[in-house]
Amino acid sequence: MIINATTGTSFLGAISFIYQEHEKDFTEEQKPKILEENMVFGTVPEQAYLMQSIAIRNARSSRPVLNLSISFHLEEKITEEMRDLIFDKILEELGATRDNNQFIIAQHFDAAYVHYYILINKVGFDSKNINSSDIINKSQVIADKVELEVGLRL
């Protein structure tokens, strides 16, 4: 499993990417599948507004958008139950919870391999910020740990 992590400032841009709004010529099979929306709802602009309204509660969070790209080895056959368990463990390792953090999980089909995105509001309802310092290295450590826990190849 590979996790690529980035942080940013624009919920609208990140959510538009998750929904692939810029792709007008996608077939139904190519369109992303939204697997979970936690504490966000509505249109893309409405979701961005909801996430931004929580993010501004922490003035020290200059980059409240955390976007994870997750892909698995082509030989790994992941069931939906295993996939959901993996995503739960990733969220837990980051310090995000369903009770405290907004997030969107999507599956994309626009490449030769299946890949997923988890978009997280780093600022929780408690106004605390998920620590994303050194997130690139931290995300690979999380990937390795979760792989061991669920029995995936390393």
N, C-alpha and C. Protein backbone atom coordinates (compact mmCIF):
# COMPACT_ATOMS: atom_id res chain seq x y z
N MET A 1 0.85 -1.17 0.00
CA MET A 1 0.00 0.00 0.00
C MET A 1 0.89 1.22 0.00
N ILE A 2 0.47 2.19 -0.77
CA ILE A 2 1.18 3.47 -0.83
C ILE A 2 0.19 4.56 -0.45
N ILE A 3 0.63 5.43 0.45
CA ILE A 3 -0.17 6.59 0.83
C ILE A 3 0.63 7.83 0.48
N ASN A 4 0.08 8.67 -0.36
CA ASN A 4 0.66 9.98 -0.64
C ASN A 4 -0.20 11.01 0.05
N ALA A 5 0.43 11.91 0.78
CA ALA A 5 -0.30 12.90 1.56
C ALA A 5 0.11 14.31 1.17
N THR A 6 -0.87 15.17 1.08
CA THR A 6 -0.62 16.58 0.85
C THR A 6 -1.54 17.39 1.75
N THR A 7 -1.13 18.60 2.04
CA THR A 7 -1.99 19.53 2.77
C THR A 7 -2.26 20.72 1.87
N GLY A 8 -3.33 21.42 2.17
CA GLY A 8 -3.67 22.57 1.35
C GLY A 8 -4.59 23.53 2.07
N THR A 9 -5.02 24.53 1.33
CA THR A 9 -5.84 25.59 1.90
C THR A 9 -7.26 25.62 1.35
N SER A 10 -7.50 25.00 0.21
CA SER A 10 -8.79 25.13 -0.46
C SER A 10 -9.63 23.87 -0.37
N PHE A 11 -10.65 23.90 0.45
CA PHE A 11 -11.58 22.77 0.50
C PHE A 11 -12.34 22.66 -0.81
N LEU A 12 -12.70 23.79 -1.40
CA LEU A 12 -13.45 23.75 -2.65
C LEU A 12 -12.66 23.04 -3.75
N GLY A 13 -11.40 23.39 -3.89
CA GLY A 13 -10.56 22.75 -4.91
C GLY A 13 -10.36 21.27 -4.64
N ALA A 14 -10.13 20.92 -3.38
CA ALA A 14 -9.89 19.53 -3.02
C ALA A 14 -11.14 18.68 -3.20
N ILE A 15 -12.28 19.20 -2.80
CA ILE A 15 -13.53 18.44 -2.95
C ILE A 15 -13.90 18.32 -4.43
N SER A 16 -13.69 19.39 -5.19
CA SER A 16 -13.94 19.32 -6.63
C SER A 16 -13.09 18.24 -7.27
N PHE A 17 -11.84 18.11 -6.81
CA PHE A 17 -10.97 17.06 -7.33
C PHE A 17 -11.51 15.68 -6.93
N ILE A 18 -11.92 15.52 -5.69
CA ILE A 18 -12.45 14.24 -5.22
C ILE A 18 -13.64 13.81 -6.10
N TYR A 19 -14.51 14.76 -6.41
CA TYR A 19 -15.68 14.47 -7.24
C TYR A 19 -15.36 14.50 -8.73
N GLN A 20 -14.14 14.88 -9.06
CA GLN A 20 -13.66 15.00 -10.44
C GLN A 20 -14.61 15.85 -11.29
N GLU A 21 -14.98 16.98 -10.76
CA GLU A 21 -15.90 17.88 -11.46
C GLU A 21 -15.30 18.42 -12.75
N HIS A 22 -13.99 18.46 -12.84
CA HIS A 22 -13.32 18.99 -14.03
C HIS A 22 -13.41 18.03 -15.22
N GLU A 23 -13.77 16.77 -14.98
CA GLU A 23 -13.86 15.76 -16.04
C GLU A 23 -15.30 15.67 -16.54
N LYS A 24 -15.56 16.28 -17.64
CA LYS A 24 -16.93 16.31 -18.19
C LYS A 24 -17.20 15.12 -19.10
N ASP A 25 -16.17 14.45 -19.60
CA ASP A 25 -16.36 13.38 -20.58
C ASP A 25 -16.25 11.99 -19.98
N PHE A 26 -16.30 11.87 -18.68
CA PHE A 26 -16.21 10.56 -18.05
C PHE A 26 -17.46 9.74 -18.34
N THR A 27 -17.25 8.45 -18.58
CA THR A 27 -18.38 7.53 -18.65
C THR A 27 -18.82 7.24 -17.22
N GLU A 28 -19.95 6.58 -17.07
CA GLU A 28 -20.43 6.22 -15.73
C GLU A 28 -19.40 5.36 -15.00
N GLU A 29 -18.70 4.49 -15.72
CA GLU A 29 -17.71 3.60 -15.10
C GLU A 29 -16.48 4.37 -14.62
N GLN A 30 -16.20 5.51 -15.22
CA GLN A 30 -15.01 6.29 -14.85
C GLN A 30 -15.27 7.28 -13.72
N LYS A 31 -16.53 7.59 -13.46
CA LYS A 31 -16.84 8.57 -12.43
C LYS A 31 -16.48 8.03 -11.05
N PRO A 32 -16.04 8.91 -10.15
CA PRO A 32 -15.67 8.45 -8.81
C PRO A 32 -16.87 7.92 -8.03
N LYS A 33 -16.58 7.03 -7.12
CA LYS A 33 -17.61 6.48 -6.24
C LYS A 33 -17.34 7.03 -4.84
N ILE A 34 -18.29 7.74 -4.29
CA ILE A 34 -18.13 8.27 -2.94
C ILE A 34 -18.50 7.16 -1.97
N LEU A 35 -17.54 6.76 -1.15
CA LEU A 35 -17.74 5.66 -0.22
C LEU A 35 -18.29 6.13 1.12
N GLU A 36 -17.87 7.33 1.53
CA GLU A 36 -18.36 7.85 2.81
C GLU A 36 -18.17 9.36 2.85
N GLU A 37 -19.17 10.02 3.39
CA GLU A 37 -19.10 11.45 3.69
C GLU A 37 -19.41 11.58 5.17
N ASN A 38 -18.44 11.99 5.94
CA ASN A 38 -18.62 12.08 7.38
C ASN A 38 -18.81 13.54 7.79
N MET A 39 -20.01 13.86 8.25
CA MET A 39 -20.36 15.17 8.77
C MET A 39 -20.27 16.27 7.72
N VAL A 40 -20.43 15.89 6.45
CA VAL A 40 -20.55 16.85 5.35
C VAL A 40 -21.68 16.36 4.45
N PHE A 41 -22.34 17.30 3.83
CA PHE A 41 -23.45 16.94 2.95
C PHE A 41 -23.69 18.09 1.98
N GLY A 42 -24.50 17.83 0.98
CA GLY A 42 -24.87 18.87 0.03
C GLY A 42 -24.00 18.85 -1.21
N THR A 43 -24.05 19.95 -1.92
CA THR A 43 -23.26 20.12 -3.14
C THR A 43 -21.79 20.32 -2.77
N VAL A 44 -20.94 20.32 -3.78
CA VAL A 44 -19.51 20.54 -3.53
C VAL A 44 -19.27 21.88 -2.84
N PRO A 45 -19.85 22.99 -3.32
CA PRO A 45 -19.64 24.26 -2.60
C PRO A 45 -20.17 24.23 -1.17
N GLU A 46 -21.29 23.56 -0.95
CA GLU A 46 -21.85 23.47 0.40
C GLU A 46 -20.93 22.66 1.31
N GLN A 47 -20.38 21.57 0.80
CA GLN A 47 -19.45 20.76 1.59
C GLN A 47 -18.20 21.57 1.93
N ALA A 48 -17.69 22.31 0.95
CA ALA A 48 -16.51 23.14 1.19
C ALA A 48 -16.81 24.19 2.26
N TYR A 49 -17.98 24.80 2.19
CA TYR A 49 -18.37 25.80 3.18
C TYR A 49 -18.45 25.19 4.58
N LEU A 50 -19.05 24.00 4.69
CA LEU A 50 -19.15 23.33 5.98
C LEU A 50 -17.78 23.04 6.57
N MET A 51 -16.88 22.55 5.73
CA MET A 51 -15.53 22.23 6.22
C MET A 51 -14.76 23.49 6.60
N GLN A 52 -14.88 24.53 5.79
CA GLN A 52 -14.19 25.78 6.09
C GLN A 52 -14.73 26.42 7.37
N SER A 53 -16.03 26.28 7.61
CA SER A 53 -16.62 26.88 8.81
C SER A 53 -16.09 26.23 10.09
N ILE A 54 -15.66 24.98 9.99
CA ILE A 54 -15.02 24.32 11.14
C ILE A 54 -13.54 24.69 11.20
N ALA A 55 -12.89 24.75 10.04
CA ALA A 55 -11.44 25.03 9.99
C ALA A 55 -11.10 26.39 10.58
N ILE A 56 -11.97 27.37 10.41
CA ILE A 56 -11.64 28.72 10.91
C ILE A 56 -11.68 28.79 12.44
N ARG A 57 -12.13 27.74 13.09
CA ARG A 57 -12.14 27.72 14.56
C ARG A 57 -10.73 27.64 15.14
N ASN A 58 -9.78 27.25 14.30
CA ASN A 58 -8.39 27.15 14.75
C ASN A 58 -7.57 28.11 13.89
N ALA A 59 -7.30 29.28 14.42
CA ALA A 59 -6.59 30.31 13.66
C ALA A 59 -5.16 29.91 13.32
N ARG A 60 -4.60 28.96 14.06
CA ARG A 60 -3.22 28.54 13.81
C ARG A 60 -3.12 27.52 12.67
N SER A 61 -4.23 27.03 12.19
CA SER A 61 -4.22 26.04 11.11
C SER A 61 -4.26 26.76 9.76
N SER A 62 -3.09 26.96 9.18
CA SER A 62 -3.03 27.68 7.90
C SER A 62 -3.30 26.75 6.71
N ARG A 63 -3.16 25.44 6.90
CA ARG A 63 -3.38 24.46 5.83
C ARG A 63 -4.29 23.34 6.37
N PRO A 64 -5.60 23.61 6.47
CA PRO A 64 -6.50 22.67 7.13
C PRO A 64 -6.91 21.46 6.28
N VAL A 65 -6.59 21.47 5.00
CA VAL A 65 -6.98 20.38 4.10
C VAL A 65 -5.90 19.30 4.12
N LEU A 66 -6.29 18.07 4.45
CA LEU A 66 -5.37 16.93 4.38
C LEU A 66 -5.94 15.95 3.37
N ASN A 67 -5.20 15.72 2.30
CA ASN A 67 -5.65 14.85 1.22
C ASN A 67 -4.72 13.66 1.12
N LEU A 68 -5.28 12.46 1.27
CA LEU A 68 -4.52 11.23 1.18
C LEU A 68 -4.90 10.49 -0.09
N SER A 69 -3.92 10.08 -0.85
CA SER A 69 -4.13 9.22 -2.00
C SER A 69 -3.62 7.84 -1.61
N ILE A 70 -4.46 6.82 -1.76
CA ILE A 70 -4.11 5.48 -1.30
C ILE A 70 -4.26 4.51 -2.45
N SER A 71 -3.21 3.72 -2.69
CA SER A 71 -3.29 2.69 -3.72
C SER A 71 -2.67 1.41 -3.18
N PHE A 72 -3.13 0.31 -3.74
CA PHE A 72 -2.67 -1.01 -3.32
C PHE A 72 -1.92 -1.67 -4.47
N HIS A 73 -1.08 -2.64 -4.12
CA HIS A 73 -0.36 -3.40 -5.14
C HIS A 73 -1.36 -4.10 -6.04
N LEU A 74 -1.04 -4.18 -7.32
CA LEU A 74 -1.97 -4.76 -8.28
C LEU A 74 -2.36 -6.19 -7.95
N GLU A 75 -1.48 -6.93 -7.28
CA GLU A 75 -1.76 -8.33 -6.94
C GLU A 75 -2.66 -8.46 -5.72
N GLU A 76 -2.81 -7.39 -4.97
CA GLU A 76 -3.63 -7.45 -3.75
C GLU A 76 -5.10 -7.31 -4.09
N LYS A 77 -5.87 -8.27 -3.68
CA LYS A 77 -7.31 -8.23 -3.87
C LYS A 77 -7.93 -7.84 -2.53
N ILE A 78 -8.44 -6.64 -2.46
CA ILE A 78 -8.96 -6.09 -1.22
C ILE A 78 -10.49 -6.18 -1.22
N THR A 79 -11.04 -6.82 -0.21
CA THR A 79 -12.50 -6.86 -0.08
C THR A 79 -12.98 -5.50 0.44
N GLU A 80 -14.26 -5.24 0.30
CA GLU A 80 -14.81 -3.98 0.82
C GLU A 80 -14.63 -3.90 2.33
N GLU A 81 -14.81 -5.02 3.02
CA GLU A 81 -14.65 -5.03 4.48
C GLU A 81 -13.21 -4.72 4.87
N MET A 82 -12.25 -5.32 4.15
CA MET A 82 -10.84 -5.05 4.45
C MET A 82 -10.49 -3.60 4.12
N ARG A 83 -10.99 -3.12 3.01
CA ARG A 83 -10.74 -1.73 2.62
C ARG A 83 -11.24 -0.78 3.70
N ASP A 84 -12.47 -1.01 4.17
CA ASP A 84 -13.04 -0.14 5.20
C ASP A 84 -12.25 -0.22 6.50
N LEU A 85 -11.79 -1.41 6.85
CA LEU A 85 -10.95 -1.59 8.05
C LEU A 85 -9.64 -0.82 7.89
N ILE A 86 -9.03 -0.91 6.72
CA ILE A 86 -7.78 -0.19 6.44
C ILE A 86 -7.98 1.31 6.58
N PHE A 87 -9.07 1.82 6.00
CA PHE A 87 -9.33 3.26 6.09
C PHE A 87 -9.57 3.69 7.53
N ASP A 88 -10.30 2.87 8.30
CA ASP A 88 -10.51 3.18 9.71
C ASP A 88 -9.18 3.25 10.46
N LYS A 89 -8.29 2.32 10.18
CA LYS A 89 -6.98 2.30 10.85
C LYS A 89 -6.13 3.51 10.45
N ILE A 90 -6.20 3.90 9.19
CA ILE A 90 -5.46 5.09 8.74
C ILE A 90 -5.98 6.33 9.46
N LEU A 91 -7.29 6.49 9.52
CA LEU A 91 -7.88 7.64 10.22
C LEU A 91 -7.46 7.65 11.69
N GLU A 92 -7.51 6.47 12.31
CA GLU A 92 -7.12 6.35 13.72
C GLU A 92 -5.67 6.74 13.93
N GLU A 93 -4.79 6.26 13.06
CA GLU A 93 -3.36 6.58 13.18
C GLU A 93 -3.09 8.08 13.02
N LEU A 94 -3.90 8.73 12.22
CA LEU A 94 -3.75 10.17 12.02
C LEU A 94 -4.33 10.97 13.18
N GLY A 95 -5.19 10.33 13.97
CA GLY A 95 -5.85 11.02 15.07
C GLY A 95 -7.20 11.60 14.69
N ALA A 96 -7.74 11.16 13.56
CA ALA A 96 -9.07 11.61 13.12
C ALA A 96 -10.12 10.62 13.61
N THR A 97 -11.28 11.15 14.01
CA THR A 97 -12.37 10.28 14.45
C THR A 97 -13.67 10.71 13.75
N ARG A 98 -14.60 9.78 13.67
CA ARG A 98 -15.90 10.08 13.07
C ARG A 98 -16.68 11.10 13.90
N ASP A 99 -16.43 11.14 15.19
CA ASP A 99 -17.13 12.08 16.06
C ASP A 99 -16.56 13.49 16.00
N ASN A 100 -15.30 13.61 15.57
CA ASN A 100 -14.63 14.90 15.68
C ASN A 100 -14.18 15.49 14.34
N ASN A 101 -14.04 14.69 13.30
CA ASN A 101 -13.47 15.20 12.05
C ASN A 101 -14.38 14.94 10.85
N GLN A 102 -14.45 15.95 10.01
CA GLN A 102 -15.15 15.80 8.74
C GLN A 102 -14.20 15.14 7.74
N PHE A 103 -14.74 14.25 6.92
CA PHE A 103 -13.93 13.67 5.85
C PHE A 103 -14.81 13.10 4.75
N ILE A 104 -14.18 12.90 3.60
CA ILE A 104 -14.82 12.29 2.45
C ILE A 104 -13.88 11.20 1.96
N ILE A 105 -14.43 10.02 1.69
CA ILE A 105 -13.64 8.92 1.13
C ILE A 105 -14.22 8.59 -0.23
N ALA A 106 -13.36 8.54 -1.25
CA ALA A 106 -13.81 8.26 -2.61
C ALA A 106 -12.89 7.27 -3.28
N GLN A 107 -13.46 6.54 -4.22
CA GLN A 107 -12.71 5.62 -5.07
C GLN A 107 -12.70 6.21 -6.48
N HIS A 108 -11.50 6.25 -7.08
CA HIS A 108 -11.37 6.77 -8.44
C HIS A 108 -11.07 5.63 -9.41
N PHE A 109 -11.55 5.79 -10.62
CA PHE A 109 -11.40 4.77 -11.65
C PHE A 109 -10.75 5.34 -12.91
N ASP A 110 -10.03 6.44 -12.79
CA ASP A 110 -9.49 7.13 -13.95
C ASP A 110 -8.06 6.70 -14.30
N ALA A 111 -7.59 5.61 -13.73
CA ALA A 111 -6.24 5.12 -14.02
C ALA A 111 -6.32 3.60 -14.21
N ALA A 112 -5.19 3.01 -14.56
CA ALA A 112 -5.14 1.57 -14.79
C ALA A 112 -5.27 0.78 -13.49
N TYR A 113 -5.14 1.44 -12.36
CA TYR A 113 -5.22 0.78 -11.06
C TYR A 113 -6.26 1.50 -10.20
N VAL A 114 -6.84 0.75 -9.30
CA VAL A 114 -7.83 1.33 -8.38
C VAL A 114 -7.09 2.15 -7.33
N HIS A 115 -7.60 3.32 -7.06
CA HIS A 115 -7.01 4.15 -6.02
C HIS A 115 -8.11 4.93 -5.32
N TYR A 116 -7.76 5.39 -4.13
CA TYR A 116 -8.74 6.01 -3.25
C TYR A 116 -8.20 7.34 -2.76
N TYR A 117 -9.12 8.19 -2.33
CA TYR A 117 -8.76 9.45 -1.70
C TYR A 117 -9.53 9.59 -0.40
N ILE A 118 -8.83 10.06 0.59
CA ILE A 118 -9.48 10.46 1.83
C ILE A 118 -9.14 11.94 2.03
N LEU A 119 -10.16 12.76 2.02
CA LEU A 119 -10.00 14.19 2.25
C LEU A 119 -10.47 14.47 3.67
N ILE A 120 -9.59 15.00 4.49
CA ILE A 120 -9.87 15.21 5.92
C ILE A 120 -9.75 16.69 6.26
N ASN A 121 -10.70 17.17 7.05
CA ASN A 121 -10.56 18.49 7.66
C ASN A 121 -9.67 18.29 8.88
N LYS A 122 -8.46 18.84 8.84
CA LYS A 122 -7.52 18.66 9.95
C LYS A 122 -8.02 19.28 11.25
N VAL A 123 -8.91 20.26 11.15
CA VAL A 123 -9.45 20.90 12.35
C VAL A 123 -10.72 20.16 12.74
N GLY A 124 -10.73 19.68 13.97
CA GLY A 124 -11.88 18.94 14.46
C GLY A 124 -12.93 19.85 15.06
N PHE A 125 -14.04 19.26 15.43
CA PHE A 125 -15.11 20.02 16.07
C PHE A 125 -14.65 20.57 17.43
N ASP A 126 -13.61 19.96 18.00
CA ASP A 126 -13.05 20.45 19.25
C ASP A 126 -12.04 21.58 19.03
N SER A 127 -11.89 22.03 17.79
CA SER A 127 -10.98 23.11 17.36
C SER A 127 -9.52 22.71 17.38
N LYS A 128 -9.22 21.46 17.72
CA LYS A 128 -7.83 21.01 17.70
C LYS A 128 -7.46 20.57 16.30
N ASN A 129 -6.16 20.68 16.00
CA ASN A 129 -5.64 20.42 14.67
C ASN A 129 -4.90 19.08 14.63
N ILE A 130 -5.14 18.28 13.61
CA ILE A 130 -4.35 17.06 13.40
C ILE A 130 -2.93 17.49 13.02
N ASN A 131 -1.95 16.95 13.69
CA ASN A 131 -0.56 17.28 13.41
C ASN A 131 -0.15 16.66 12.08
N SER A 132 0.17 17.49 11.11
CA SER A 132 0.59 16.98 9.81
C SER A 132 2.04 17.32 9.50
N SER A 133 2.81 17.68 10.53
CA SER A 133 4.23 17.93 10.28
C SER A 133 4.88 16.62 9.85
N ASP A 134 5.71 16.69 8.87
CA ASP A 134 6.40 15.52 8.32
C ASP A 134 5.40 14.47 7.82
N ILE A 135 4.29 14.92 7.24
CA ILE A 135 3.20 14.04 6.85
C ILE A 135 3.62 13.04 5.78
N ILE A 136 4.56 13.39 4.94
CA ILE A 136 4.98 12.46 3.88
C ILE A 136 5.61 11.22 4.49
N ASN A 137 6.55 11.40 5.41
CA ASN A 137 7.16 10.25 6.07
C ASN A 137 6.18 9.55 7.00
N LYS A 138 5.38 10.33 7.71
CA LYS A 138 4.40 9.77 8.64
C LYS A 138 3.40 8.88 7.90
N SER A 139 2.98 9.29 6.70
CA SER A 139 1.98 8.51 5.97
C SER A 139 2.54 7.15 5.54
N GLN A 140 3.83 7.10 5.19
CA GLN A 140 4.38 5.79 4.81
C GLN A 140 4.58 4.89 6.03
N VAL A 141 4.90 5.47 7.17
CA VAL A 141 4.98 4.69 8.41
C VAL A 141 3.60 4.12 8.74
N ILE A 142 2.56 4.94 8.57
CA ILE A 142 1.20 4.46 8.81
C ILE A 142 0.86 3.33 7.84
N ALA A 143 1.21 3.50 6.57
CA ALA A 143 0.93 2.46 5.57
C ALA A 143 1.60 1.14 5.97
N ASP A 144 2.87 1.20 6.36
CA ASP A 144 3.59 -0.01 6.76
C ASP A 144 2.95 -0.66 7.98
N LYS A 145 2.57 0.14 8.95
CA LYS A 145 1.96 -0.38 10.17
C LYS A 145 0.62 -1.06 9.87
N VAL A 146 -0.21 -0.40 9.07
CA VAL A 146 -1.53 -0.96 8.74
C VAL A 146 -1.38 -2.23 7.91
N GLU A 147 -0.42 -2.24 6.98
CA GLU A 147 -0.17 -3.45 6.19
C GLU A 147 0.14 -4.64 7.09
N LEU A 148 0.97 -4.43 8.10
CA LEU A 148 1.30 -5.51 9.04
C LEU A 148 0.06 -5.95 9.82
N GLU A 149 -0.73 -4.99 10.26
CA GLU A 149 -1.91 -5.30 11.07
C GLU A 149 -2.96 -6.11 10.31
N VAL A 150 -3.13 -5.83 9.01
CA VAL A 150 -4.18 -6.50 8.25
C VAL A 150 -3.65 -7.62 7.36
N GLY A 151 -2.33 -7.80 7.36
CA GLY A 151 -1.75 -8.92 6.61
C GLY A 151 -1.56 -8.68 5.12
N LEU A 152 -1.35 -7.44 4.71
CA LEU A 152 -1.04 -7.16 3.32
C LEU A 152 0.46 -7.34 3.08
N ARG A 153 0.83 -7.40 1.82
CA ARG A 153 2.26 -7.52 1.48
C ARG A 153 2.97 -6.21 1.81
N LEU A 154 4.21 -6.31 2.18
CA LEU A 154 5.01 -5.11 2.49
C LEU A 154 5.85 -4.72 1.31
